[in-house]
Amino acid sequence: MAELARVDAVGVTLVGDHPVVLAGFESWYAASDPPIEVRAKGVRVATALAGPGRDAHVVVLALGQRNGTPAYGDLEQLAHSRRRVIVYDVEGSRHAALTCLDLGAFTYLTRAEGRRHLLQATYAAARGARYESPALSGPRGGRGLKRPRLSPREADVLLKWLQSESKAVVAECLWLSVRTVNTYLERVRVKYADVGRPATTKAQLLARAVQDGLISLDDL
């Protein structure tokens, strides 16, 4: 996989069985500044695991359907190979977004996001920077203070992070990878956004946790 520390021309590999969608991505990247080069494109995941596609900084996966369900296996294979994957879902749903994050996607986009957000996500992924797409943020819920349903593990990671100086400390304490910690925290953010209480920063997550009685300031 290409080195991410210093990136001049970003390289991407496009994977998916939506030829019109991939052609659209390619035209957007062709006009990008700083430059983004499409190193390879194809229907199968192997496109990103061998040949020119293997050396791309980022993989953009146009999530397809197999037997009526999203082809999450493609994402699993890419994540297992430690690739930074931007999932583009033509259908788009909150359940799909959470599933993709859980499987290791860098971020999740839908066709509503468009060129600007795809380019921003690609630059962020190539540089290892955090990026939150509109599909994963913003008010989604109704009125009133609604509490998201966090899994026990999501709550553990959230609270440990609020009490720690870094995600590396959280990972060491909970016997997780930093990548897994990031995935859990991203799921927490999505769930808060889903009930109309977005929390894109650590301070906002702390405020939500205090509001919901998950932690007190004395615990910090």
Protein backbone atom coordinates (compact mmCIF):
# COMPACT_ATOMS: atom_id res chain seq x y z
CA MET A 1 0.00 0.00 0.00
CA ALA A 2 1.22 3.52 -0.80
CA GLU A 3 2.87 5.67 1.88
CA LEU A 4 0.40 8.14 3.40
CA ALA A 5 2.66 10.42 5.42
CA ARG A 6 3.36 12.83 2.57
CA VAL A 7 1.01 12.92 -0.38
CA ASP A 8 1.42 15.07 -3.48
CA ALA A 9 -0.69 13.34 -6.14
CA VAL A 10 -3.31 11.15 -4.49
CA GLY A 11 -4.01 7.80 -6.12
CA VAL A 12 -7.37 6.03 -5.99
CA THR A 13 -8.75 2.70 -7.10
CA LEU A 14 -12.41 2.47 -8.09
CA VAL A 15 -14.33 -0.74 -7.44
CA GLY A 16 -17.97 -1.45 -8.25
CA ASP A 17 -20.46 -2.78 -10.74
CA HIS A 18 -22.05 0.62 -11.46
CA PRO A 19 -20.22 1.71 -14.66
CA VAL A 20 -22.03 5.06 -14.85
CA VAL A 21 -21.15 5.83 -11.21
CA LEU A 22 -17.49 4.91 -11.72
CA ALA A 23 -17.32 7.02 -14.87
CA GLY A 24 -18.70 9.95 -12.88
CA PHE A 25 -16.05 9.49 -10.19
CA GLU A 26 -13.34 9.36 -12.84
CA SER A 27 -14.48 12.65 -14.41
CA TRP A 28 -14.59 14.37 -10.99
CA TYR A 29 -11.10 13.17 -10.14
CA ALA A 30 -9.75 14.21 -13.55
CA ALA A 31 -10.66 17.83 -12.77
CA SER A 32 -9.45 17.79 -9.14
CA ASP A 33 -6.86 20.15 -7.70
CA PRO A 34 -4.63 18.98 -6.00
CA PRO A 35 -4.50 16.10 -8.46
CA ILE A 36 -6.20 12.78 -7.82
CA GLU A 37 -5.18 9.99 -10.15
CA VAL A 38 -7.35 6.94 -10.84
CA ARG A 39 -4.79 4.12 -10.75
CA ALA A 40 -7.22 1.32 -11.56
CA LYS A 41 -10.92 0.54 -11.77
CA GLY A 42 -12.92 -2.65 -12.04
CA VAL A 43 -15.86 -4.74 -10.91
CA ARG A 44 -13.98 -7.05 -8.56
CA VAL A 45 -12.19 -6.37 -5.28
CA ALA A 46 -9.06 -7.94 -6.79
CA THR A 47 -8.65 -4.69 -8.74
CA ALA A 48 -7.60 -3.02 -5.48
CA LEU A 49 -5.48 -5.89 -4.19
CA ALA A 50 -3.10 -6.46 -7.10
CA GLY A 51 -1.46 -4.57 -9.92
CA PRO A 52 -1.65 -0.76 -10.11
CA GLY A 53 -4.72 -0.69 -7.86
CA ARG A 54 -2.77 -2.08 -4.93
CA ASP A 55 -0.58 1.03 -4.73
CA ALA A 56 -3.44 3.55 -4.56
CA HIS A 57 -3.82 5.53 -1.34
CA VAL A 58 -7.61 5.15 -1.29
CA VAL A 59 -10.21 2.68 -2.53
CA VAL A 60 -13.64 4.00 -3.50
CA LEU A 61 -16.17 1.16 -3.32
CA ALA A 62 -19.49 1.68 -5.07
CA LEU A 63 -21.52 -0.65 -2.87
CA GLY A 64 -23.42 -3.11 -5.05
CA GLN A 65 -26.31 -5.46 -4.41
CA ARG A 66 -26.13 -9.24 -4.50
CA ASN A 67 -29.35 -11.21 -4.17
CA GLY A 68 -31.08 -8.04 -3.00
CA THR A 69 -28.62 -7.22 -0.19
CA PRO A 70 -25.52 -4.98 -0.11
CA ALA A 71 -22.25 -6.72 -0.96
CA TYR A 72 -20.60 -6.14 2.40
CA GLY A 73 -18.18 -8.97 1.70
CA ASP A 74 -16.28 -6.71 -0.70
CA LEU A 75 -15.79 -4.13 2.04
CA GLU A 76 -14.73 -6.81 4.54
CA GLN A 77 -12.09 -8.05 2.14
CA LEU A 78 -10.69 -4.58 1.58
CA ALA A 79 -10.74 -3.67 5.27
CA HIS A 80 -9.01 -6.94 6.13
CA SER A 81 -6.24 -5.88 3.72
CA ARG A 82 -5.93 -2.61 5.68
CA ARG A 83 -7.12 -0.40 2.82
CA ARG A 84 -8.71 3.00 3.42
CA VAL A 85 -12.14 2.56 1.88
CA ILE A 86 -14.69 5.22 1.02
CA VAL A 87 -18.04 3.52 0.55
CA TYR A 88 -20.39 5.11 -1.95
CA ASP A 89 -23.88 3.66 -1.58
CA VAL A 90 -26.30 4.34 -4.43
CA GLU A 91 -29.25 3.23 -2.30
CA GLY A 92 -28.18 4.69 1.06
CA SER A 93 -29.60 3.93 4.50
CA ARG A 94 -28.68 4.53 8.15
CA HIS A 95 -28.41 0.77 8.72
CA ALA A 96 -26.01 0.45 5.79
CA ALA A 97 -23.94 3.39 7.08
CA LEU A 98 -23.52 1.81 10.52
CA THR A 99 -22.74 -1.59 9.03
CA CYS A 100 -20.07 -0.16 6.74
CA LEU A 101 -18.42 1.72 9.59
CA ASP A 102 -18.50 -1.41 11.72
CA LEU A 103 -16.80 -3.37 8.92
CA GLY A 104 -13.97 -0.84 8.74
CA ALA A 105 -14.93 1.75 6.11
CA PHE A 106 -13.10 5.07 6.37
CA THR A 107 -16.35 6.90 5.68
CA TYR A 108 -19.71 6.46 3.98
CA LEU A 109 -21.21 8.60 1.21
CA THR A 110 -24.49 8.49 -0.69
CA ARG A 111 -25.37 9.88 -4.10
CA ALA A 112 -26.77 12.98 -2.34
CA GLU A 113 -23.27 14.11 -1.35
CA GLY A 114 -21.82 14.79 -4.79
CA ARG A 115 -18.42 15.79 -6.13
CA ARG A 116 -17.25 18.17 -3.39
CA HIS A 117 -17.70 15.68 -0.58
CA LEU A 118 -16.15 12.80 -2.50
CA LEU A 119 -13.04 14.88 -3.15
CA GLN A 120 -12.85 16.05 0.48
CA ALA A 121 -13.21 12.48 1.73
CA THR A 122 -10.54 11.24 -0.68
CA TYR A 123 -8.00 13.88 0.39
CA ALA A 124 -8.73 13.16 4.06
CA ALA A 125 -8.41 9.39 3.62
CA ALA A 126 -5.12 9.73 1.75
CA ARG A 127 -3.65 11.88 4.51
CA GLY A 128 -5.05 9.87 7.38
CA ALA A 129 -7.18 12.80 8.54
CA ARG A 130 -10.63 12.47 10.07
CA TYR A 131 -13.60 13.14 7.80
CA GLU A 132 -17.32 13.03 8.55
CA SER A 133 -19.68 13.03 5.59
CA PRO A 134 -23.12 14.69 5.60
CA ALA A 135 -24.62 11.18 5.47
CA LEU A 136 -23.19 10.57 8.95
CA SER A 137 -23.93 13.92 10.58
CA GLY A 138 -26.63 16.51 11.09
CA PRO A 139 -30.01 16.38 12.80
CA ARG A 140 -31.98 13.23 12.05
CA GLY A 141 -34.32 12.85 14.98
CA GLY A 142 -37.44 14.50 16.25
CA ARG A 143 -38.00 16.94 19.09
CA GLY A 144 -36.83 16.57 22.66
CA LEU A 145 -33.72 15.11 24.18
CA LYS A 146 -33.53 11.61 22.77
CA ARG A 147 -30.93 9.14 23.93
CA PRO A 148 -29.28 6.90 21.36
CA ARG A 149 -29.10 3.20 22.07
CA LEU A 150 -25.41 2.55 22.56
CA SER A 151 -24.14 -0.99 22.77
CA PRO A 152 -22.17 -1.85 25.94
CA ARG A 153 -18.93 -1.86 23.94
CA GLU A 154 -19.71 1.51 22.32
CA ALA A 155 -20.39 2.99 25.75
CA ASP A 156 -17.17 1.50 27.17
CA VAL A 157 -15.08 2.97 24.36
CA LEU A 158 -16.81 6.35 24.61
CA LEU A 159 -16.32 6.66 28.37
CA LYS A 160 -12.73 5.45 28.30
CA TRP A 161 -11.93 7.98 25.56
CA LEU A 162 -13.52 10.81 27.53
CA GLN A 163 -11.27 9.86 30.44
CA SER A 164 -8.10 9.40 28.36
CA GLU A 165 -5.61 11.64 26.62
CA SER A 166 -5.58 9.71 23.37
CA LYS A 167 -7.22 6.93 21.42
CA ALA A 168 -3.99 4.97 21.70
CA VAL A 169 -4.48 4.85 25.47
CA VAL A 170 -8.07 3.65 24.97
CA ALA A 171 -6.90 0.94 22.58
CA GLU A 172 -4.29 -0.30 25.04
CA CYS A 173 -6.70 -0.33 27.98
CA LEU A 174 -9.47 -2.16 26.13
CA TRP A 175 -7.24 -4.47 24.08
CA LEU A 176 -8.39 -2.98 20.79
CA SER A 177 -6.68 -1.43 17.79
CA VAL A 178 -6.82 2.34 17.35
CA ARG A 179 -8.75 1.70 14.15
CA THR A 180 -11.39 -0.24 16.07
CA VAL A 181 -11.61 2.54 18.65
CA ASN A 182 -12.21 5.01 15.83
CA THR A 183 -14.93 2.76 14.40
CA TYR A 184 -16.77 2.58 17.72
CA LEU A 185 -16.56 6.33 18.24
CA GLU A 186 -17.80 6.96 14.71
CA ARG A 187 -20.78 4.70 15.40
CA VAL A 188 -21.52 6.68 18.57
CA ARG A 189 -21.43 9.92 16.57
CA VAL A 190 -23.77 8.49 13.96
CA LYS A 191 -26.23 7.35 16.62
CA TYR A 192 -26.25 10.76 18.29
CA ALA A 193 -26.77 12.44 14.91
CA ASP A 194 -29.58 9.99 14.22
CA VAL A 195 -31.56 11.27 17.23
CA GLY A 196 -30.97 14.90 16.34
CA ARG A 197 -28.06 15.56 18.70
CA PRO A 198 -24.94 15.70 16.53
CA ALA A 199 -21.59 15.51 18.32
CA THR A 200 -18.67 15.95 15.95
CA THR A 201 -16.04 16.86 18.55
CA LYS A 202 -14.81 15.28 21.78
CA ALA A 203 -16.21 18.21 23.78
CA GLN A 204 -19.64 17.71 22.24
CA LEU A 205 -19.53 13.99 22.98
CA LEU A 206 -18.63 14.79 26.57
CA ALA A 207 -21.60 17.14 26.79
CA ARG A 208 -23.92 14.44 25.42
CA ALA A 209 -22.56 11.82 27.83
CA VAL A 210 -23.06 14.16 30.80
CA GLN A 211 -26.57 15.07 29.63
CA ASP A 212 -27.47 11.38 29.36
CA GLY A 213 -26.01 10.45 32.72
CA LEU A 214 -23.34 8.22 31.24
CA ILE A 215 -20.57 10.09 33.05
CA SER A 216 -20.20 12.91 35.55
CA LEU A 217 -17.56 15.60 35.61
CA ASP A 218 -16.25 14.05 38.84
CA ASP A 219 -15.37 10.94 36.84
CA LEU A 220 -12.97 12.84 34.57
